[in-house]
């Protein structure tokens, strides 16, 4: 049993316990098979992986890193699977970037006030604020407040060098207003950097 983030051996760490090296709550099991000659058939061995019911904020942070890494690959044309694959990556990434805020102030280990997290998001309207608008637009489909800002995936371009996604946004109450646009990867990179800035400002160690 190992930590998939830092490869620390976890054989002696109880299920649900954090990695003693990096603090991750994830674990991977490695099953080593040996060749044998037998005269009967047998079922292949299986491994059950247990998950903590309180994984902590770093779990959401690593989800962001995985989706962000995948979007970078898609922009470079690595393991291309079509526009639907890009669409799903964009949805998952921006929802995770927004939801990290909830995980930060609800993690009792950090002792961060909700107001502190929300204030940081409000100060970064063109990055984390857009992630919030994207998540709320995706969640509700229709936003009822005229002053609310809608943000959604508007275009995916595919070419020999890779794929690119565009996010469009505007106030809900101004349907005749042209959508402002931003590149999805650029927005995700800026949002991730702004979360890093918040963690550093609060003295929170960022997982490797």
N, C-alpha and C. Protein backbone atom coordinates (compact mmCIF):
# COMPACT_ATOMS: atom_id res chain seq x y z
N UNK A 1 0.86 -1.18 0.00
CA UNK A 1 0.00 0.00 0.00
C UNK A 1 0.90 1.23 0.00
N UNK A 2 0.69 2.15 -0.97
CA UNK A 2 1.54 3.32 -1.08
C UNK A 2 0.69 4.57 -1.25
N UNK A 3 1.31 5.73 -1.01
CA UNK A 3 0.68 7.02 -1.28
C UNK A 3 0.91 7.35 -2.76
N UNK A 4 -0.15 7.56 -3.55
CA UNK A 4 0.03 7.84 -4.97
C UNK A 4 0.64 9.20 -5.26
N UNK A 5 0.68 10.08 -4.24
CA UNK A 5 1.20 11.42 -4.47
C UNK A 5 2.71 11.52 -4.22
N UNK A 6 3.20 10.81 -3.21
CA UNK A 6 4.64 10.90 -2.91
C UNK A 6 5.33 9.54 -2.85
N UNK A 7 4.57 8.45 -3.08
CA UNK A 7 5.10 7.08 -3.13
C UNK A 7 5.56 6.56 -1.76
N UNK A 8 5.14 7.22 -0.68
CA UNK A 8 5.47 6.75 0.66
C UNK A 8 4.77 5.42 0.95
N UNK A 9 5.48 4.47 1.55
CA UNK A 9 4.88 3.19 1.92
C UNK A 9 3.89 3.41 3.06
N UNK A 10 2.66 2.86 2.88
CA UNK A 10 1.59 3.05 3.88
C UNK A 10 1.14 1.74 4.50
N UNK A 11 1.95 0.71 4.41
CA UNK A 11 1.56 -0.59 4.95
C UNK A 11 1.22 -0.52 6.44
N UNK A 12 1.91 0.35 7.17
CA UNK A 12 1.70 0.43 8.62
C UNK A 12 0.78 1.57 9.03
N UNK A 13 0.19 2.28 8.02
CA UNK A 13 -0.72 3.40 8.33
C UNK A 13 -2.15 2.88 8.29
N UNK A 14 -2.95 3.09 9.34
CA UNK A 14 -4.34 2.60 9.35
C UNK A 14 -5.15 3.19 8.20
N UNK A 15 -6.13 2.43 7.72
CA UNK A 15 -7.01 2.91 6.66
C UNK A 15 -7.70 4.20 7.09
N UNK A 16 -7.66 5.22 6.25
CA UNK A 16 -8.24 6.51 6.58
C UNK A 16 -7.25 7.48 7.17
N UNK A 17 -6.08 6.97 7.58
CA UNK A 17 -5.07 7.84 8.15
C UNK A 17 -4.30 8.58 7.07
N UNK A 18 -3.78 9.79 7.37
CA UNK A 18 -3.06 10.56 6.36
C UNK A 18 -1.65 10.01 6.12
N UNK A 19 -1.13 10.31 4.97
CA UNK A 19 0.25 9.93 4.66
C UNK A 19 1.19 10.69 5.59
N UNK A 20 2.11 10.03 6.27
CA UNK A 20 3.00 10.72 7.20
C UNK A 20 3.98 11.66 6.51
N UNK A 21 4.13 11.51 5.19
CA UNK A 21 5.09 12.34 4.48
C UNK A 21 4.46 13.58 3.86
N UNK A 22 3.29 13.43 3.17
CA UNK A 22 2.69 14.58 2.48
C UNK A 22 1.29 14.92 2.98
N UNK A 23 0.71 14.08 3.83
CA UNK A 23 -0.61 14.38 4.37
C UNK A 23 -1.78 13.94 3.53
N UNK A 24 -1.52 13.33 2.37
CA UNK A 24 -2.60 12.89 1.49
C UNK A 24 -3.41 11.78 2.15
N UNK A 25 -4.72 11.77 1.86
CA UNK A 25 -5.58 10.72 2.39
C UNK A 25 -5.80 9.60 1.39
N UNK A 26 -5.20 9.73 0.21
CA UNK A 26 -5.37 8.70 -0.81
C UNK A 26 -4.36 7.59 -0.60
N UNK A 27 -4.66 6.44 -1.17
CA UNK A 27 -3.71 5.35 -1.13
C UNK A 27 -3.93 4.44 -2.34
N UNK A 28 -2.86 3.84 -2.79
CA UNK A 28 -2.91 2.91 -3.91
C UNK A 28 -2.37 1.57 -3.45
N UNK A 29 -3.00 0.53 -3.95
CA UNK A 29 -2.56 -0.82 -3.60
C UNK A 29 -1.86 -1.44 -4.81
N UNK A 30 -0.75 -2.06 -4.57
CA UNK A 30 -0.01 -2.75 -5.61
C UNK A 30 -0.05 -4.24 -5.32
N UNK A 31 -0.56 -4.99 -6.27
CA UNK A 31 -0.66 -6.45 -6.12
C UNK A 31 0.39 -7.08 -7.01
N UNK A 32 1.25 -7.86 -6.45
CA UNK A 32 2.28 -8.53 -7.20
C UNK A 32 1.90 -10.00 -7.37
N UNK A 33 1.84 -10.43 -8.60
CA UNK A 33 1.48 -11.82 -8.87
C UNK A 33 2.70 -12.67 -9.16
N UNK A 34 2.61 -13.96 -8.94
CA UNK A 34 3.69 -14.90 -9.20
C UNK A 34 3.16 -16.01 -10.09
N UNK A 35 4.01 -16.49 -10.97
CA UNK A 35 3.62 -17.56 -11.87
C UNK A 35 3.49 -18.88 -11.12
N UNK A 36 2.43 -19.61 -11.43
CA UNK A 36 2.22 -20.91 -10.77
C UNK A 36 1.51 -21.84 -11.73
N UNK A 37 1.80 -23.12 -11.62
CA UNK A 37 1.13 -24.14 -12.42
C UNK A 37 0.14 -24.84 -11.52
N UNK A 38 -1.13 -24.81 -11.92
CA UNK A 38 -2.15 -25.45 -11.10
C UNK A 38 -3.05 -26.29 -11.99
N UNK A 39 -3.75 -27.19 -11.37
CA UNK A 39 -4.63 -28.08 -12.11
C UNK A 39 -6.08 -27.70 -12.02
N UNK A 40 -6.38 -26.58 -11.34
CA UNK A 40 -7.77 -26.14 -11.21
C UNK A 40 -7.84 -24.66 -11.56
N UNK A 41 -9.05 -24.19 -11.89
CA UNK A 41 -9.22 -22.76 -12.17
C UNK A 41 -9.52 -22.02 -10.88
N UNK A 42 -9.15 -20.75 -10.84
CA UNK A 42 -9.37 -19.94 -9.63
C UNK A 42 -9.69 -18.52 -10.04
N UNK A 43 -10.47 -17.84 -9.20
CA UNK A 43 -10.80 -16.45 -9.46
C UNK A 43 -9.58 -15.57 -9.22
N UNK A 44 -9.46 -14.52 -10.03
CA UNK A 44 -8.36 -13.57 -9.86
C UNK A 44 -8.53 -12.83 -8.55
N UNK A 45 -7.43 -12.54 -7.85
CA UNK A 45 -7.53 -11.82 -6.57
C UNK A 45 -8.01 -10.40 -6.79
N UNK A 46 -8.72 -9.86 -5.82
CA UNK A 46 -9.19 -8.48 -5.88
C UNK A 46 -8.67 -7.71 -4.68
N UNK A 47 -8.63 -6.40 -4.83
CA UNK A 47 -8.16 -5.53 -3.76
C UNK A 47 -9.24 -4.50 -3.47
N UNK A 48 -9.56 -4.30 -2.21
CA UNK A 48 -10.54 -3.31 -1.80
C UNK A 48 -9.82 -2.09 -1.23
N UNK A 49 -10.10 -0.92 -1.79
CA UNK A 49 -9.48 0.31 -1.34
C UNK A 49 -10.45 1.10 -0.47
N UNK A 50 -10.07 1.37 0.76
CA UNK A 50 -10.93 2.14 1.66
C UNK A 50 -10.72 3.64 1.50
N UNK A 51 -11.78 4.43 1.68
CA UNK A 51 -11.70 5.88 1.57
C UNK A 51 -12.13 6.54 2.86
N UNK A 52 -11.42 7.60 3.23
CA UNK A 52 -11.77 8.35 4.43
C UNK A 52 -13.08 9.12 4.21
N UNK A 53 -13.92 9.18 5.23
CA UNK A 53 -15.16 9.94 5.14
C UNK A 53 -14.92 11.44 5.33
N UNK A 54 -13.75 11.79 5.81
CA UNK A 54 -13.36 13.21 5.96
C UNK A 54 -11.98 13.40 5.34
N UNK A 55 -11.90 13.43 4.02
CA UNK A 55 -10.60 13.44 3.35
C UNK A 55 -9.80 14.73 3.49
N UNK A 56 -10.44 15.84 3.83
CA UNK A 56 -9.70 17.09 3.99
C UNK A 56 -9.58 17.87 2.68
N UNK A 57 -9.24 19.15 2.81
CA UNK A 57 -9.21 20.06 1.66
C UNK A 57 -8.20 19.65 0.61
N UNK A 58 -7.10 19.01 1.01
CA UNK A 58 -6.05 18.63 0.06
C UNK A 58 -6.57 17.63 -0.97
N UNK A 59 -7.60 16.88 -0.62
CA UNK A 59 -8.21 15.93 -1.56
C UNK A 59 -8.80 16.69 -2.76
N UNK A 60 -9.52 17.78 -2.48
CA UNK A 60 -10.08 18.60 -3.55
C UNK A 60 -8.98 19.30 -4.35
N UNK A 61 -7.93 19.70 -3.67
CA UNK A 61 -6.80 20.34 -4.34
C UNK A 61 -6.16 19.39 -5.37
N UNK A 62 -6.03 18.15 -5.01
CA UNK A 62 -5.41 17.19 -5.94
C UNK A 62 -6.33 16.87 -7.10
N UNK A 63 -7.64 16.92 -6.88
CA UNK A 63 -8.58 16.76 -7.99
C UNK A 63 -8.39 17.89 -9.00
N UNK A 64 -8.22 19.11 -8.50
CA UNK A 64 -7.96 20.24 -9.38
C UNK A 64 -6.70 19.99 -10.20
N UNK A 65 -5.64 19.52 -9.55
CA UNK A 65 -4.38 19.31 -10.24
C UNK A 65 -4.50 18.25 -11.33
N UNK A 66 -5.29 17.20 -11.08
CA UNK A 66 -5.45 16.15 -12.09
C UNK A 66 -6.23 16.68 -13.30
N UNK A 67 -7.32 17.40 -13.06
CA UNK A 67 -8.11 17.93 -14.17
C UNK A 67 -7.33 19.00 -14.94
N UNK A 68 -6.56 19.81 -14.22
CA UNK A 68 -5.77 20.85 -14.87
C UNK A 68 -4.69 20.22 -15.74
N UNK A 69 -4.06 19.18 -15.24
CA UNK A 69 -3.04 18.48 -16.02
C UNK A 69 -3.65 17.87 -17.28
N UNK A 70 -4.86 17.34 -17.15
CA UNK A 70 -5.53 16.74 -18.32
C UNK A 70 -5.89 17.80 -19.35
N UNK A 71 -6.36 18.98 -18.91
CA UNK A 71 -6.69 20.04 -19.87
C UNK A 71 -5.44 20.51 -20.60
N UNK A 72 -4.32 20.59 -19.89
CA UNK A 72 -3.06 20.95 -20.55
C UNK A 72 -2.71 19.92 -21.63
N UNK A 73 -2.91 18.66 -21.33
CA UNK A 73 -2.65 17.62 -22.33
C UNK A 73 -3.55 17.79 -23.55
N UNK A 74 -4.81 18.06 -23.31
CA UNK A 74 -5.76 18.22 -24.41
C UNK A 74 -5.39 19.40 -25.30
N UNK A 75 -4.89 20.47 -24.70
CA UNK A 75 -4.45 21.62 -25.48
C UNK A 75 -3.22 21.27 -26.32
N UNK A 76 -2.45 20.28 -25.89
CA UNK A 76 -1.25 19.87 -26.62
C UNK A 76 -1.52 18.71 -27.58
N UNK A 77 -2.78 18.25 -27.61
CA UNK A 77 -3.12 17.15 -28.50
C UNK A 77 -2.68 15.79 -28.00
N UNK A 78 -2.45 15.67 -26.70
CA UNK A 78 -2.01 14.40 -26.12
C UNK A 78 -3.23 13.54 -25.77
N UNK A 79 -3.24 12.31 -26.26
CA UNK A 79 -4.33 11.37 -25.98
C UNK A 79 -5.68 12.01 -26.32
N UNK A 80 -5.79 12.54 -27.53
CA UNK A 80 -7.01 13.22 -27.96
C UNK A 80 -8.17 12.24 -28.08
N UNK A 81 -9.32 12.59 -27.48
CA UNK A 81 -10.51 11.73 -27.51
C UNK A 81 -11.76 12.48 -27.99
N UNK A 82 -11.57 13.65 -28.55
CA UNK A 82 -12.71 14.38 -29.07
C UNK A 82 -13.18 15.50 -28.17
N UNK A 83 -14.13 16.29 -28.69
CA UNK A 83 -14.58 17.48 -27.97
C UNK A 83 -15.34 17.16 -26.69
N UNK A 84 -16.04 16.03 -26.63
CA UNK A 84 -16.80 15.69 -25.42
C UNK A 84 -15.85 15.47 -24.25
N UNK A 85 -14.70 14.88 -24.52
CA UNK A 85 -13.70 14.66 -23.47
C UNK A 85 -13.20 15.99 -22.92
N UNK A 86 -12.97 16.96 -23.81
CA UNK A 86 -12.55 18.30 -23.38
C UNK A 86 -13.66 18.96 -22.57
N UNK A 87 -14.88 18.84 -23.06
CA UNK A 87 -16.04 19.43 -22.37
C UNK A 87 -16.14 18.91 -20.94
N UNK A 88 -16.00 17.61 -20.76
CA UNK A 88 -16.12 17.03 -19.43
C UNK A 88 -14.97 17.47 -18.53
N UNK A 89 -13.78 17.62 -19.10
CA UNK A 89 -12.65 18.10 -18.31
C UNK A 89 -12.89 19.52 -17.84
N UNK A 90 -13.38 20.38 -18.72
CA UNK A 90 -13.64 21.77 -18.36
C UNK A 90 -14.70 21.85 -17.26
N UNK A 91 -15.79 21.10 -17.41
CA UNK A 91 -16.82 21.11 -16.37
C UNK A 91 -16.24 20.69 -15.02
N UNK A 92 -15.55 19.57 -15.00
CA UNK A 92 -15.02 19.05 -13.74
C UNK A 92 -14.00 20.00 -13.12
N UNK A 93 -13.16 20.59 -13.96
CA UNK A 93 -12.11 21.48 -13.46
C UNK A 93 -12.69 22.73 -12.81
N UNK A 94 -13.62 23.40 -13.47
CA UNK A 94 -14.14 24.66 -12.92
C UNK A 94 -15.05 24.43 -11.73
N UNK A 95 -15.75 23.31 -11.69
CA UNK A 95 -16.53 23.00 -10.49
C UNK A 95 -15.61 22.75 -9.31
N UNK A 96 -14.50 22.06 -9.54
CA UNK A 96 -13.55 21.79 -8.46
C UNK A 96 -12.86 23.06 -8.00
N UNK A 97 -12.52 23.95 -8.94
CA UNK A 97 -11.88 25.22 -8.56
C UNK A 97 -12.81 26.05 -7.67
N UNK A 98 -14.10 26.02 -7.95
CA UNK A 98 -15.05 26.75 -7.12
C UNK A 98 -15.27 26.05 -5.78
N UNK A 99 -15.46 24.75 -5.80
CA UNK A 99 -15.78 24.02 -4.58
C UNK A 99 -14.62 23.97 -3.60
N UNK A 100 -13.41 24.23 -4.05
CA UNK A 100 -12.28 24.25 -3.12
C UNK A 100 -12.53 25.23 -1.98
N UNK A 101 -13.20 26.34 -2.28
CA UNK A 101 -13.49 27.31 -1.23
C UNK A 101 -14.29 26.70 -0.09
N UNK A 102 -15.31 25.91 -0.40
CA UNK A 102 -16.10 25.24 0.64
C UNK A 102 -15.24 24.29 1.46
N UNK A 103 -14.38 23.56 0.77
CA UNK A 103 -13.53 22.59 1.45
C UNK A 103 -12.53 23.28 2.37
N UNK A 104 -12.08 24.46 2.01
CA UNK A 104 -11.09 25.17 2.83
C UNK A 104 -11.68 25.62 4.16
N UNK A 105 -12.85 26.27 4.12
CA UNK A 105 -13.37 26.79 5.38
C UNK A 105 -14.10 25.73 6.21
N UNK A 106 -14.43 24.59 5.60
CA UNK A 106 -15.09 23.54 6.36
C UNK A 106 -14.11 22.49 6.89
N UNK A 107 -12.85 22.62 6.54
CA UNK A 107 -11.84 21.71 7.07
C UNK A 107 -11.41 22.23 8.44
N UNK A 108 -11.75 21.51 9.49
CA UNK A 108 -11.48 21.97 10.86
C UNK A 108 -9.99 22.10 11.16
N UNK A 109 -9.15 21.41 10.40
CA UNK A 109 -7.71 21.48 10.64
C UNK A 109 -7.19 22.88 10.32
N UNK A 110 -7.80 23.56 9.35
CA UNK A 110 -7.30 24.87 8.91
C UNK A 110 -7.83 26.02 9.75
N UNK A 111 -9.02 25.87 10.30
CA UNK A 111 -9.64 26.93 11.12
C UNK A 111 -9.79 28.24 10.34
N UNK A 112 -10.18 28.14 9.07
CA UNK A 112 -10.42 29.32 8.26
C UNK A 112 -11.89 29.71 8.34
N UNK A 113 -12.15 31.01 8.47
CA UNK A 113 -13.53 31.49 8.51
C UNK A 113 -14.10 31.53 7.09
N UNK A 114 -15.38 31.22 6.97
CA UNK A 114 -16.03 31.28 5.66
C UNK A 114 -15.90 32.68 5.07
N UNK A 115 -16.04 33.69 5.88
CA UNK A 115 -15.96 35.07 5.39
C UNK A 115 -14.59 35.35 4.77
N UNK A 116 -13.54 34.79 5.35
CA UNK A 116 -12.19 34.99 4.83
C UNK A 116 -12.06 34.42 3.42
N UNK A 117 -12.62 33.22 3.22
CA UNK A 117 -12.56 32.58 1.91
C UNK A 117 -13.41 33.33 0.90
N UNK A 118 -14.65 33.69 1.29
CA UNK A 118 -15.55 34.38 0.38
C UNK A 118 -15.00 35.76 -0.03
N UNK A 119 -14.37 36.42 0.91
CA UNK A 119 -13.79 37.73 0.61
C UNK A 119 -12.69 37.61 -0.43
N UNK A 120 -11.88 36.57 -0.32
CA UNK A 120 -10.81 36.35 -1.30
C UNK A 120 -11.39 36.11 -2.70
N UNK A 121 -12.45 35.31 -2.76
CA UNK A 121 -13.09 35.05 -4.05
C UNK A 121 -13.64 36.34 -4.65
N UNK A 122 -14.28 37.16 -3.81
CA UNK A 122 -14.89 38.40 -4.31
C UNK A 122 -13.83 39.38 -4.79
N UNK A 123 -12.63 39.28 -4.28
CA UNK A 123 -11.54 40.16 -4.71
C UNK A 123 -10.91 39.70 -6.02
N UNK A 124 -11.29 38.52 -6.48
CA UNK A 124 -10.72 37.97 -7.71
C UNK A 124 -11.85 37.58 -8.66
N UNK A 125 -12.64 38.59 -9.03
CA UNK A 125 -13.83 38.36 -9.85
C UNK A 125 -13.52 37.83 -11.24
N UNK A 126 -12.35 38.17 -11.78
CA UNK A 126 -12.02 37.73 -13.13
C UNK A 126 -11.33 36.37 -13.18
N UNK A 127 -11.22 35.73 -12.03
CA UNK A 127 -10.66 34.37 -12.00
C UNK A 127 -11.56 33.48 -11.14
N UNK A 128 -11.40 33.56 -9.83
CA UNK A 128 -12.20 32.71 -8.94
C UNK A 128 -13.68 33.08 -9.00
N UNK A 129 -13.97 34.36 -9.22
CA UNK A 129 -15.37 34.77 -9.36
C UNK A 129 -16.01 34.15 -10.58
N UNK A 130 -15.26 34.04 -11.68
CA UNK A 130 -15.79 33.39 -12.88
C UNK A 130 -15.98 31.90 -12.67
N UNK A 131 -15.10 31.28 -11.90
CA UNK A 131 -15.29 29.86 -11.56
C UNK A 131 -16.61 29.68 -10.80
N UNK A 132 -16.87 30.59 -9.88
CA UNK A 132 -18.13 30.55 -9.12
C UNK A 132 -19.32 30.72 -10.05
N UNK A 133 -19.24 31.67 -10.97
CA UNK A 133 -20.33 31.90 -11.91
C UNK A 133 -20.53 30.69 -12.83
N UNK A 134 -19.43 30.09 -13.25
CA UNK A 134 -19.53 28.90 -14.11
C UNK A 134 -20.23 27.77 -13.36
N UNK A 135 -19.80 27.54 -12.12
CA UNK A 135 -20.39 26.45 -11.32
C UNK A 135 -21.88 26.69 -11.08
N UNK A 136 -22.26 27.92 -10.77
CA UNK A 136 -23.68 28.22 -10.51
C UNK A 136 -24.52 28.15 -11.78
N UNK A 137 -23.95 28.57 -12.91
CA UNK A 137 -24.67 28.46 -14.18
C UNK A 137 -24.88 27.00 -14.54
N UNK A 138 -23.84 26.20 -14.35
CA UNK A 138 -23.91 24.77 -14.65
C UNK A 138 -24.90 24.08 -13.72
N UNK A 139 -24.93 24.49 -12.47
CA UNK A 139 -25.79 23.86 -11.47
C UNK A 139 -27.26 24.19 -11.70
N UNK A 140 -27.56 25.47 -11.93
CA UNK A 140 -28.96 25.92 -11.98
C UNK A 140 -29.53 26.02 -13.39
N UNK A 141 -28.67 25.98 -14.40
CA UNK A 141 -29.04 26.14 -15.81
C UNK A 141 -29.53 27.56 -16.09
N UNK A 142 -30.49 28.05 -15.28
CA UNK A 142 -31.02 29.41 -15.44
C UNK A 142 -30.80 30.15 -14.12
N UNK A 143 -30.18 31.31 -14.18
CA UNK A 143 -29.98 32.13 -12.99
C UNK A 143 -31.04 33.21 -12.94
N UNK A 144 -31.76 33.30 -11.84
CA UNK A 144 -32.94 34.16 -11.75
C UNK A 144 -32.61 35.62 -11.45
N UNK A 145 -31.48 35.86 -10.79
CA UNK A 145 -31.16 37.23 -10.44
C UNK A 145 -30.62 37.97 -11.67
N UNK A 146 -31.25 39.10 -12.04
CA UNK A 146 -30.78 39.85 -13.22
C UNK A 146 -29.33 40.29 -13.11
N UNK A 147 -28.87 40.54 -11.88
CA UNK A 147 -27.50 41.01 -11.68
C UNK A 147 -26.48 39.88 -11.69
N UNK A 148 -26.96 38.63 -11.64
CA UNK A 148 -26.04 37.49 -11.62
C UNK A 148 -25.31 37.38 -12.95
N UNK A 149 -24.10 36.88 -12.90
CA UNK A 149 -23.31 36.71 -14.10
C UNK A 149 -23.35 35.25 -14.54
N UNK A 150 -23.72 35.00 -15.77
CA UNK A 150 -23.69 33.64 -16.29
C UNK A 150 -22.33 33.41 -16.93
N UNK A 151 -21.84 32.18 -16.85
CA UNK A 151 -20.56 31.82 -17.46
C UNK A 151 -20.68 30.37 -17.90
N UNK A 152 -20.34 30.10 -19.14
CA UNK A 152 -20.50 28.74 -19.64
C UNK A 152 -19.55 28.47 -20.81
N UNK A 153 -19.38 27.22 -21.09
CA UNK A 153 -18.56 26.79 -22.22
C UNK A 153 -19.28 27.18 -23.50
N UNK A 154 -18.62 27.91 -24.38
CA UNK A 154 -19.26 28.37 -25.61
C UNK A 154 -18.67 27.77 -26.87
N UNK A 155 -17.41 27.32 -26.79
CA UNK A 155 -16.79 26.83 -28.03
C UNK A 155 -15.60 25.95 -27.73
N UNK A 156 -15.44 24.89 -28.52
CA UNK A 156 -14.26 24.04 -28.49
C UNK A 156 -13.71 23.96 -29.91
N UNK A 157 -12.46 24.29 -30.07
CA UNK A 157 -11.81 24.25 -31.37
C UNK A 157 -10.80 23.11 -31.40
N UNK A 158 -10.88 22.29 -32.43
CA UNK A 158 -9.99 21.14 -32.55
C UNK A 158 -9.11 21.32 -33.78
N UNK A 159 -7.84 21.03 -33.63
CA UNK A 159 -6.90 21.13 -34.74
C UNK A 159 -5.79 20.12 -34.58
N UNK A 160 -4.86 20.09 -35.53
CA UNK A 160 -3.77 19.11 -35.47
C UNK A 160 -2.85 19.29 -34.27
N UNK A 161 -2.80 20.51 -33.73
CA UNK A 161 -1.92 20.77 -32.59
C UNK A 161 -2.60 20.52 -31.25
N UNK A 162 -3.91 20.33 -31.24
CA UNK A 162 -4.62 20.12 -29.98
C UNK A 162 -5.99 20.75 -30.01
N UNK A 163 -6.58 20.89 -28.84
CA UNK A 163 -7.92 21.44 -28.72
C UNK A 163 -7.92 22.62 -27.75
N UNK A 164 -8.82 23.57 -27.99
CA UNK A 164 -8.93 24.75 -27.14
C UNK A 164 -10.40 24.98 -26.81
N UNK A 165 -10.64 25.43 -25.58
CA UNK A 165 -12.01 25.68 -25.14
C UNK A 165 -12.16 27.15 -24.75
N UNK A 166 -13.35 27.68 -24.97
CA UNK A 166 -13.62 29.09 -24.67
C UNK A 166 -14.79 29.19 -23.70
N UNK A 167 -14.64 30.06 -22.70
CA UNK A 167 -15.70 30.35 -21.73
C UNK A 167 -16.28 31.72 -22.05
N UNK A 168 -17.61 31.82 -22.17
CA UNK A 168 -18.28 33.09 -22.39
C UNK A 168 -19.05 33.50 -21.15
N UNK A 169 -19.14 34.81 -20.91
CA UNK A 169 -19.85 35.28 -19.72
C UNK A 169 -20.44 36.67 -19.95
N UNK A 170 -21.50 36.95 -19.24
CA UNK A 170 -22.18 38.25 -19.27
C UNK A 170 -23.21 38.29 -18.15
N UNK A 171 -23.75 39.48 -17.81
CA UNK A 171 -24.81 39.57 -16.80
C UNK A 171 -26.08 38.86 -17.29
N UNK A 172 -26.73 38.15 -16.41
CA UNK A 172 -27.94 37.42 -16.75
C UNK A 172 -29.03 38.35 -17.30
N UNK A 173 -29.14 39.54 -16.74
CA UNK A 173 -30.21 40.44 -17.11
C UNK A 173 -29.97 41.24 -18.38
N UNK A 174 -28.89 40.95 -19.10
CA UNK A 174 -28.59 41.67 -20.33
C UNK A 174 -28.37 40.69 -21.48
N UNK A 175 -29.44 40.00 -21.91
CA UNK A 175 -29.30 38.97 -22.94
C UNK A 175 -28.83 39.49 -24.30
N UNK A 176 -29.03 40.79 -24.56
CA UNK A 176 -28.60 41.34 -25.84
C UNK A 176 -27.12 41.71 -25.85
N UNK A 177 -26.49 41.68 -24.68
CA UNK A 177 -25.08 42.03 -24.57
C UNK A 177 -24.22 40.88 -25.09
N UNK A 178 -23.26 41.16 -25.98
CA UNK A 178 -22.37 40.09 -26.47
C UNK A 178 -21.60 39.46 -25.32
N UNK A 179 -21.38 38.17 -25.42
CA UNK A 179 -20.61 37.47 -24.40
C UNK A 179 -19.15 37.89 -24.44
N UNK A 180 -18.62 38.22 -23.28
CA UNK A 180 -17.17 38.37 -23.17
C UNK A 180 -16.58 36.97 -23.14
N UNK A 181 -15.38 36.80 -23.67
CA UNK A 181 -14.81 35.46 -23.78
C UNK A 181 -13.43 35.40 -23.15
N UNK A 182 -13.11 34.22 -22.64
CA UNK A 182 -11.79 33.96 -22.06
C UNK A 182 -11.41 32.53 -22.36
N UNK A 183 -10.14 32.31 -22.61
CA UNK A 183 -9.66 30.95 -22.86
C UNK A 183 -9.78 30.12 -21.59
N UNK A 184 -10.29 28.91 -21.71
CA UNK A 184 -10.56 28.07 -20.53
C UNK A 184 -9.29 27.72 -19.77
N UNK A 185 -8.23 27.37 -20.48
CA UNK A 185 -6.99 27.00 -19.79
C UNK A 185 -6.37 28.21 -19.12
N UNK A 186 -6.40 29.36 -19.78
CA UNK A 186 -5.87 30.58 -19.18
C UNK A 186 -6.62 30.92 -17.90
N UNK A 187 -7.94 30.82 -17.93
CA UNK A 187 -8.75 31.10 -16.74
C UNK A 187 -8.44 30.11 -15.63
N UNK A 188 -8.31 28.84 -15.97
CA UNK A 188 -8.02 27.82 -14.97
C UNK A 188 -6.64 28.04 -14.33
N UNK A 189 -5.66 28.39 -15.15
CA UNK A 189 -4.31 28.63 -14.64
C UNK A 189 -4.31 29.82 -13.68
N UNK A 190 -4.99 30.90 -14.06
CA UNK A 190 -5.04 32.08 -13.19
C UNK A 190 -5.77 31.78 -11.89
N UNK A 191 -6.85 31.00 -11.97
CA UNK A 191 -7.62 30.67 -10.78
C UNK A 191 -6.80 29.79 -9.83
N UNK A 192 -6.08 28.85 -10.38
CA UNK A 192 -5.24 27.98 -9.55
C UNK A 192 -4.14 28.79 -8.87
N UNK A 193 -3.56 29.75 -9.60
CA UNK A 193 -2.53 30.61 -9.01
C UNK A 193 -3.09 31.47 -7.90
N UNK A 194 -4.34 31.95 -8.10
CA UNK A 194 -4.95 32.79 -7.06
C UNK A 194 -5.25 31.97 -5.80
N UNK A 195 -5.63 30.71 -5.96
CA UNK A 195 -5.81 29.86 -4.78
C UNK A 195 -4.47 29.62 -4.09
N UNK A 196 -3.41 29.46 -4.87
CA UNK A 196 -2.08 29.31 -4.27
C UNK A 196 -1.72 30.56 -3.46
N UNK A 197 -2.05 31.72 -4.02
CA UNK A 197 -1.78 32.96 -3.30
C UNK A 197 -2.54 33.02 -1.98
N UNK A 198 -3.77 32.56 -1.98
CA UNK A 198 -4.57 32.54 -0.75
C UNK A 198 -3.94 31.61 0.28
N UNK A 199 -3.56 30.41 -0.15
CA UNK A 199 -2.98 29.45 0.78
C UNK A 199 -1.67 29.98 1.39
N UNK A 200 -0.85 30.60 0.56
CA UNK A 200 0.40 31.17 1.08
C UNK A 200 0.11 32.30 2.06
N UNK A 201 -0.89 33.14 1.74
CA UNK A 201 -1.23 34.25 2.63
C UNK A 201 -1.73 33.77 3.98
N UNK A 202 -2.39 32.60 3.99
CA UNK A 202 -2.93 32.04 5.23
C UNK A 202 -1.95 31.11 5.94
N UNK A 203 -0.76 30.96 5.36
CA UNK A 203 0.24 30.08 5.96
C UNK A 203 -0.07 28.61 5.86
N UNK A 204 -0.83 28.23 4.83
CA UNK A 204 -1.21 26.84 4.63
C UNK A 204 -0.23 26.17 3.66
N UNK A 205 0.34 25.06 4.07
CA UNK A 205 1.29 24.34 3.22
C UNK A 205 0.56 23.75 2.01
N UNK A 206 1.13 23.97 0.84
CA UNK A 206 0.53 23.46 -0.40
C UNK A 206 1.10 22.08 -0.69
N UNK A 207 0.23 21.10 -0.91
CA UNK A 207 0.71 19.73 -1.18
C UNK A 207 1.62 19.70 -2.41
N UNK A 208 2.63 18.85 -2.41
CA UNK A 208 3.53 18.76 -3.55
C UNK A 208 2.82 18.22 -4.79
